[in-house]
Amino acid sequence: MADNNNDQVVIAFFPSAEEAERAAEALKKWDDANDDVKLGAVGTISKDGDKVKTQLGRKTGKGLAVGAVLGVVAAALGPIGLIGGAVAGGALGGVVGSFLKKSVNLDKEAIAKIGAELDRGQVAVVVACDDFEVGPTSDQLALAGGTVHQFEVPTEALEEASRGIESEELLAGTAASAAVVAAVDEPVAGQGFAPAGAEAER
């Protein structure tokens, strides 16, 4: 079995919190029953007005990778976040900026599109996994009725963001700094909002 790099992120959108919760529970049961696939953690993200809401049951192991993604997305989409264009200071800006620069295709544009889906009332189920787990995980989420997208984020970026996402303020969607906007203004080759089945450029 391959090493647990957890550098593949699968995000599936569902029309309601109830459907997302059912899909997440079904995925966990499938994971538990499958000896070859060990996802370890499933998170969700949604919006209530300007407030970004995240949920993650376990924050160790692969849960740290999911928590990093949830935290960065929440920070970027929060009421005074990066995608909204507002300016705030602090270490959080560096965390988000570094994550977006190192990510292969979970970039500023992709997070903006995630925000647009959440604004429409969609709820996202977020899973971190390895290369060999992406296909079956995506299939399970699609069978549950989700619209699935796949992203590649280097392990280094996930681990670095995990270390910076320890405060509840970040998970609640605290702001990113002006430095982040400057850091991610220049597009990186291979980045984008990749639908399921499309391979990210490496």
C-alpha atoms as a PDB file:
ATOM      1  CA  MET A   1       0.000   0.000   0.000  1.00  0.00           C
ATOM      2  CA  ALA A   2       1.253   3.546  -0.791  1.00  0.00           C
ATOM      3  CA  ASP A   3       2.494   5.933   1.890  1.00  0.00           C
ATOM      4  CA  ASN A   4      -0.075   8.180   3.522  1.00  0.00           C
ATOM      5  CA  ASN A   5       0.878  11.452   1.873  1.00  0.00           C
ATOM      6  CA  ASN A   6      -2.701  12.757   2.024  1.00  0.00           C
ATOM      7  CA  ASP A   7      -1.901  15.296  -0.687  1.00  0.00           C
ATOM      8  CA  GLN A   8      -5.105  14.802  -2.664  1.00  0.00           C
ATOM      9  CA  VAL A   9      -8.199  16.710  -1.572  1.00  0.00           C
ATOM     10  CA  VAL A  10     -11.666  15.675  -2.724  1.00  0.00           C
ATOM     11  CA  ILE A  11     -14.495  18.182  -2.273  1.00  0.00           C
ATOM     12  CA  ALA A  12     -18.107  17.294  -3.066  1.00  0.00           C
ATOM     13  CA  PHE A  13     -20.995  19.760  -3.011  1.00  0.00           C
ATOM     14  CA  PHE A  14     -24.473  18.808  -1.830  1.00  0.00           C
ATOM     15  CA  PRO A  15     -27.738  20.810  -1.951  1.00  0.00           C
ATOM     16  CA  SER A  16     -28.316  20.711   1.813  1.00  0.00           C
ATOM     17  CA  ALA A  17     -26.656  20.027   5.145  1.00  0.00           C
ATOM     18  CA  GLU A  18     -28.776  16.905   5.566  1.00  0.00           C
ATOM     19  CA  GLU A  19     -27.613  15.426   2.257  1.00  0.00           C
ATOM     20  CA  ALA A  20     -23.998  16.315   2.994  1.00  0.00           C
ATOM     21  CA  GLU A  21     -24.236  14.687   6.427  1.00  0.00           C
ATOM     22  CA  ARG A  22     -25.747  11.531   4.959  1.00  0.00           C
ATOM     23  CA  ALA A  23     -23.018  11.389   2.338  1.00  0.00           C
ATOM     24  CA  ALA A  24     -20.300  11.911   4.957  1.00  0.00           C
ATOM     25  CA  GLU A  25     -21.700   9.152   7.157  1.00  0.00           C
ATOM     26  CA  ALA A  26     -21.997   6.790   4.188  1.00  0.00           C
ATOM     27  CA  LEU A  27     -18.396   7.556   3.224  1.00  0.00           C
ATOM     28  CA  LYS A  28     -17.190   6.825   6.763  1.00  0.00           C
ATOM     29  CA  LYS A  29     -19.005   3.484   6.774  1.00  0.00           C
ATOM     30  CA  TRP A  30     -17.541   2.600   3.382  1.00  0.00           C
ATOM     31  CA  ASP A  31     -14.108   3.613   4.664  1.00  0.00           C
ATOM     32  CA  ASP A  32     -14.463   1.437   7.786  1.00  0.00           C
ATOM     33  CA  ALA A  33     -15.530  -1.552   5.689  1.00  0.00           C
ATOM     34  CA  ASN A  34     -12.687  -1.227   3.185  1.00  0.00           C
ATOM     35  CA  ASP A  35      -9.275  -2.487   4.314  1.00  0.00           C
ATOM     36  CA  ASP A  36      -7.493  -0.882   1.365  1.00  0.00           C
ATOM     37  CA  VAL A  37      -8.816   2.635   1.901  1.00  0.00           C
ATOM     38  CA  LYS A  38      -8.322   4.511   5.155  1.00  0.00           C
ATOM     39  CA  LEU A  39      -9.463   8.102   4.822  1.00  0.00           C
ATOM     40  CA  GLY A  40      -9.341   8.803   8.540  1.00  0.00           C
ATOM     41  CA  ALA A  41     -11.385  12.025   8.544  1.00  0.00           C
ATOM     42  CA  VAL A  42     -14.276  13.682   6.735  1.00  0.00           C
ATOM     43  CA  GLY A  43     -15.104  17.358   7.198  1.00  0.00           C
ATOM     44  CA  THR A  44     -17.847  19.699   6.032  1.00  0.00           C
ATOM     45  CA  ILE A  45     -17.997  23.388   5.240  1.00  0.00           C
ATOM     46  CA  SER A  46     -20.999  25.658   4.692  1.00  0.00           C
ATOM     47  CA  LYS A  47     -22.061  29.283   4.981  1.00  0.00           C
ATOM     48  CA  ASP A  48     -24.685  30.963   7.120  1.00  0.00           C
ATOM     49  CA  GLY A  49     -24.835  34.519   5.833  1.00  0.00           C
ATOM     50  CA  ASP A  50     -21.272  35.827   6.045  1.00  0.00           C
ATOM     51  CA  LYS A  51     -20.247  33.192   8.568  1.00  0.00           C
ATOM     52  CA  VAL A  52     -18.310  30.188   7.332  1.00  0.00           C
ATOM     53  CA  LYS A  53     -19.097  27.064   9.346  1.00  0.00           C
ATOM     54  CA  THR A  54     -16.772  24.065   9.461  1.00  0.00           C
ATOM     55  CA  GLN A  55     -17.104  20.691  11.121  1.00  0.00           C
ATOM     56  CA  LEU A  56     -14.440  18.055  11.666  1.00  0.00           C
ATOM     57  CA  GLY A  57     -14.755  15.201  14.113  1.00  0.00           C
ATOM     58  CA  ARG A  58     -11.093  14.210  14.419  1.00  0.00           C
ATOM     59  CA  LYS A  59      -8.089  16.524  14.156  1.00  0.00           C
ATOM     60  CA  THR A  60      -5.251  14.008  14.214  1.00  0.00           C
ATOM     61  CA  GLY A  61      -3.669  12.026  11.389  1.00  0.00           C
ATOM     62  CA  LYS A  62      -5.540  12.683   8.173  1.00  0.00           C
ATOM     63  CA  GLY A  63      -7.861  14.927  10.159  1.00  0.00           C
ATOM     64  CA  LEU A  64      -5.039  17.458  10.269  1.00  0.00           C
ATOM     65  CA  ALA A  65      -4.973  17.616   6.467  1.00  0.00           C
ATOM     66  CA  VAL A  66      -8.746  18.095   6.269  1.00  0.00           C
ATOM     67  CA  GLY A  67      -8.563  20.663   9.061  1.00  0.00           C
ATOM     68  CA  ALA A  68      -5.943  22.604   7.131  1.00  0.00           C
ATOM     69  CA  VAL A  69      -8.172  22.780   4.055  1.00  0.00           C
ATOM     70  CA  LEU A  70     -11.221  23.750   6.113  1.00  0.00           C
ATOM     71  CA  GLY A  71      -9.260  26.415   7.947  1.00  0.00           C
ATOM     72  CA  VAL A  72      -7.751  27.988   4.842  1.00  0.00           C
ATOM     73  CA  VAL A  73     -11.084  28.037   2.991  1.00  0.00           C
ATOM     74  CA  ALA A  74     -12.874  29.446   6.056  1.00  0.00           C
ATOM     75  CA  ALA A  75     -10.220  32.129   6.518  1.00  0.00           C
ATOM     76  CA  ALA A  76     -10.340  33.117   2.858  1.00  0.00           C
ATOM     77  CA  LEU A  77     -14.139  33.216   2.640  1.00  0.00           C
ATOM     78  CA  GLY A  78     -14.948  34.697   6.042  1.00  0.00           C
ATOM     79  CA  PRO A  79     -16.656  38.090   6.463  1.00  0.00           C
ATOM     80  CA  ILE A  80     -13.320  39.947   6.196  1.00  0.00           C
ATOM     81  CA  GLY A  81     -11.381  37.300   4.340  1.00  0.00           C
ATOM     82  CA  LEU A  82      -9.001  37.121   1.408  1.00  0.00           C
ATOM     83  CA  ILE A  83     -11.562  36.467  -1.291  1.00  0.00           C
ATOM     84  CA  GLY A  84     -13.726  39.347  -0.112  1.00  0.00           C
ATOM     85  CA  GLY A  85     -10.775  41.645  -0.758  1.00  0.00           C
ATOM     86  CA  ALA A  86     -10.606  43.140   2.743  1.00  0.00           C
ATOM     87  CA  VAL A  87      -7.336  43.790   4.523  1.00  0.00           C
ATOM     88  CA  ALA A  88      -6.270  42.529   7.933  1.00  0.00           C
ATOM     89  CA  GLY A  89      -2.941  41.805   9.565  1.00  0.00           C
ATOM     90  CA  GLY A  90      -1.478  38.926  11.498  1.00  0.00           C
ATOM     91  CA  ALA A  91       0.173  35.565  10.985  1.00  0.00           C
ATOM     92  CA  LEU A  92      -2.966  34.126   9.410  1.00  0.00           C
ATOM     93  CA  GLY A  93      -2.287  35.989   6.189  1.00  0.00           C
ATOM     94  CA  GLY A  94       1.055  34.253   5.884  1.00  0.00           C
ATOM     95  CA  VAL A  95      -0.499  30.846   6.501  1.00  0.00           C
ATOM     96  CA  VAL A  96      -3.148  31.302   3.817  1.00  0.00           C
ATOM     97  CA  GLY A  97      -0.760  32.889   1.338  1.00  0.00           C
ATOM     98  CA  SER A  98       1.816  30.135   1.710  1.00  0.00           C
ATOM     99  CA  PHE A  99      -0.852  27.442   1.328  1.00  0.00           C
ATOM    100  CA  LEU A 100      -2.247  28.969  -1.862  1.00  0.00           C
ATOM    101  CA  LYS A 101       1.191  29.405  -3.418  1.00  0.00           C
ATOM    102  CA  LYS A 102       2.238  25.813  -2.697  1.00  0.00           C
ATOM    103  CA  SER A 103      -1.065  24.201  -3.653  1.00  0.00           C
ATOM    104  CA  VAL A 104      -1.123  22.746  -7.158  1.00  0.00           C
ATOM    105  CA  ASN A 105      -4.704  23.715  -8.036  1.00  0.00           C
ATOM    106  CA  LEU A 106      -6.527  24.680  -4.826  1.00  0.00           C
ATOM    107  CA  ASP A 107      -5.760  28.332  -5.518  1.00  0.00           C
ATOM    108  CA  LYS A 108      -7.439  31.707  -5.012  1.00  0.00           C
ATOM    109  CA  GLU A 109      -9.715  31.243  -8.035  1.00  0.00           C
ATOM    110  CA  ALA A 110     -10.762  27.763  -6.924  1.00  0.00           C
ATOM    111  CA  ILE A 111     -11.561  28.969  -3.406  1.00  0.00           C
ATOM    112  CA  ALA A 112     -13.629  31.818  -4.870  1.00  0.00           C
ATOM    113  CA  LYS A 113     -15.637  29.250  -6.837  1.00  0.00           C
ATOM    114  CA  ILE A 114     -16.056  27.152  -3.692  1.00  0.00           C
ATOM    115  CA  GLY A 115     -17.378  30.302  -2.010  1.00  0.00           C
ATOM    116  CA  ALA A 116     -19.859  30.845  -4.828  1.00  0.00           C
ATOM    117  CA  GLU A 117     -21.209  27.314  -4.341  1.00  0.00           C
ATOM    118  CA  LEU A 118     -21.525  27.861  -0.594  1.00  0.00           C
ATOM    119  CA  ASP A 119     -23.311  31.173  -1.227  1.00  0.00           C
ATOM    120  CA  ARG A 120     -25.874  29.224  -3.264  1.00  0.00           C
ATOM    121  CA  GLY A 121     -26.637  27.158  -0.174  1.00  0.00           C
ATOM    122  CA  GLN A 122     -24.481  24.182  -1.118  1.00  0.00           C
ATOM    123  CA  VAL A 123     -22.650  22.273   1.610  1.00  0.00           C
ATOM    124  CA  ALA A 124     -19.222  20.800   0.882  1.00  0.00           C
ATOM    125  CA  VAL A 125     -17.877  17.481   2.130  1.00  0.00           C
ATOM    126  CA  VAL A 126     -14.063  17.574   2.316  1.00  0.00           C
ATOM    127  CA  VAL A 127     -11.769  14.543   2.341  1.00  0.00           C
ATOM    128  CA  ALA A 128      -7.961  14.275   2.218  1.00  0.00           C
ATOM    129  CA  CYS A 129      -6.592  11.100   0.673  1.00  0.00           C
ATOM    130  CA  ASP A 130      -3.802   9.512  -1.335  1.00  0.00           C
ATOM    131  CA  ASP A 131      -3.584   9.092  -5.112  1.00  0.00           C
ATOM    132  CA  PHE A 132      -4.962   5.567  -5.101  1.00  0.00           C
ATOM    133  CA  GLU A 133      -7.922   6.617  -2.942  1.00  0.00           C
ATOM    134  CA  VAL A 134      -9.090   9.541  -5.098  1.00  0.00           C
ATOM    135  CA  GLY A 135     -11.037   7.513  -7.664  1.00  0.00           C
ATOM    136  CA  PRO A 136     -13.062   5.322  -5.317  1.00  0.00           C
ATOM    137  CA  THR A 137     -13.643   8.177  -2.865  1.00  0.00           C
ATOM    138  CA  SER A 138     -14.912  10.429  -5.653  1.00  0.00           C
ATOM    139  CA  ASP A 139     -17.150   7.630  -6.921  1.00  0.00           C
ATOM    140  CA  GLN A 140     -18.697   7.161  -3.486  1.00  0.00           C
ATOM    141  CA  LEU A 141     -19.443  10.867  -3.123  1.00  0.00           C
ATOM    142  CA  ALA A 142     -20.875  11.048  -6.644  1.00  0.00           C
ATOM    143  CA  LEU A 143     -23.111   8.056  -5.941  1.00  0.00           C
ATOM    144  CA  ALA A 144     -24.391   9.934  -2.888  1.00  0.00           C
ATOM    145  CA  GLY A 145     -25.435  12.792  -5.174  1.00  0.00           C
ATOM    146  CA  GLY A 146     -22.462  15.108  -4.822  1.00  0.00           C
ATOM    147  CA  THR A 147     -20.783  17.275  -7.445  1.00  0.00           C
ATOM    148  CA  VAL A 148     -17.155  16.244  -7.027  1.00  0.00           C
ATOM    149  CA  HIS A 149     -13.920  18.180  -7.549  1.00  0.00           C
ATOM    150  CA  GLN A 150     -10.347  17.052  -6.960  1.00  0.00           C
ATOM    151  CA  PHE A 151      -7.344  19.090  -5.861  1.00  0.00           C
ATOM    152  CA  GLU A 152      -3.688  18.388  -5.219  1.00  0.00           C
ATOM    153  CA  VAL A 153      -2.011  20.044  -2.247  1.00  0.00           C
ATOM    154  CA  PRO A 154       1.575  19.113  -1.328  1.00  0.00           C
ATOM    155  CA  THR A 155       1.962  17.455   2.067  1.00  0.00           C
ATOM    156  CA  GLU A 156       4.305  20.265   3.108  1.00  0.00           C
ATOM    157  CA  ALA A 157       1.588  22.874   2.541  1.00  0.00           C
ATOM    158  CA  LEU A 158      -0.991  20.836   4.470  1.00  0.00           C
ATOM    159  CA  GLU A 159       1.355  20.285   7.406  1.00  0.00           C
ATOM    160  CA  GLU A 160       2.388  23.930   7.499  1.00  0.00           C
ATOM    161  CA  ALA A 161      -1.219  25.118   7.412  1.00  0.00           C
ATOM    162  CA  SER A 162      -2.165  22.584  10.102  1.00  0.00           C
ATOM    163  CA  ARG A 163       0.409  24.088  12.440  1.00  0.00           C
ATOM    164  CA  GLY A 164      -1.025  27.545  11.809  1.00  0.00           C
ATOM    165  CA  ILE A 165      -4.654  26.536  12.271  1.00  0.00           C
ATOM    166  CA  GLU A 166      -4.706  25.829  15.969  1.00  0.00           C
ATOM    167  CA  SER A 167      -6.883  28.730  17.081  1.00  0.00           C
ATOM    168  CA  GLU A 168     -10.674  28.673  16.894  1.00  0.00           C
ATOM    169  CA  GLU A 169     -10.523  32.128  15.297  1.00  0.00           C
ATOM    170  CA  LEU A 170      -8.969  30.683  12.133  1.00  0.00           C
ATOM    171  CA  LEU A 171     -11.484  27.847  11.853  1.00  0.00           C
ATOM    172  CA  ALA A 172     -14.267  30.413  12.296  1.00  0.00           C
ATOM    173  CA  GLY A 173     -13.044  32.327   9.268  1.00  0.00           C
ATOM    174  CA  THR A 174     -10.753  35.072  10.568  1.00  0.00           C
ATOM    175  CA  ALA A 175      -9.241  37.449   8.016  1.00  0.00           C
ATOM    176  CA  ALA A 176      -6.201  37.110   5.790  1.00  0.00           C
ATOM    177  CA  SER A 177      -3.690  39.883   5.263  1.00  0.00           C
ATOM    178  CA  ALA A 178      -3.024  42.188   2.328  1.00  0.00           C
ATOM    179  CA  ALA A 179       0.244  40.336   1.814  1.00  0.00           C
ATOM    180  CA  VAL A 180      -1.736  37.236   0.866  1.00  0.00           C
ATOM    181  CA  VAL A 181      -3.476  39.064  -1.965  1.00  0.00           C
ATOM    182  CA  ALA A 182      -0.132  40.189  -3.352  1.00  0.00           C
ATOM    183  CA  ALA A 183       1.359  36.734  -2.908  1.00  0.00           C
ATOM    184  CA  VAL A 184      -1.318  34.946  -4.926  1.00  0.00           C
ATOM    185  CA  ASP A 185      -2.095  37.562  -7.579  1.00  0.00           C
ATOM    186  CA  GLU A 186       0.322  35.919 -10.021  1.00  0.00           C
ATOM    187  CA  PRO A 187      -1.239  32.702 -11.401  1.00  0.00           C
ATOM    188  CA  VAL A 188       0.722  29.492 -11.024  1.00  0.00           C
ATOM    189  CA  ALA A 189       0.793  27.085 -13.962  1.00  0.00           C
ATOM    190  CA  GLY A 190      -1.500  24.135 -13.528  1.00  0.00           C
ATOM    191  CA  GLN A 191      -3.846  25.735 -11.007  1.00  0.00           C
ATOM    192  CA  GLY A 192      -7.607  25.822 -11.347  1.00  0.00           C
ATOM    193  CA  PHE A 193     -10.954  24.409 -10.287  1.00  0.00           C
ATOM    194  CA  ALA A 194     -10.532  20.834 -11.492  1.00  0.00           C
ATOM    195  CA  PRO A 195     -13.615  18.655 -11.898  1.00  0.00           C
ATOM    196  CA  ALA A 196     -13.504  15.018 -10.926  1.00  0.00           C
ATOM    197  CA  GLY A 197     -11.625  12.924 -13.433  1.00  0.00           C
ATOM    198  CA  ALA A 198      -9.333  15.747 -14.530  1.00  0.00           C
ATOM    199  CA  GLU A 199      -5.707  15.342 -13.469  1.00  0.00           C
ATOM    200  CA  ALA A 200      -3.937  18.346 -12.001  1.00  0.00           C
ATOM    201  CA  GLU A 201      -0.780  19.369 -13.777  1.00  0.00           C
ATOM    202  CA  ARG A 202       2.290  18.509 -11.740  1.00  0.00           C
END
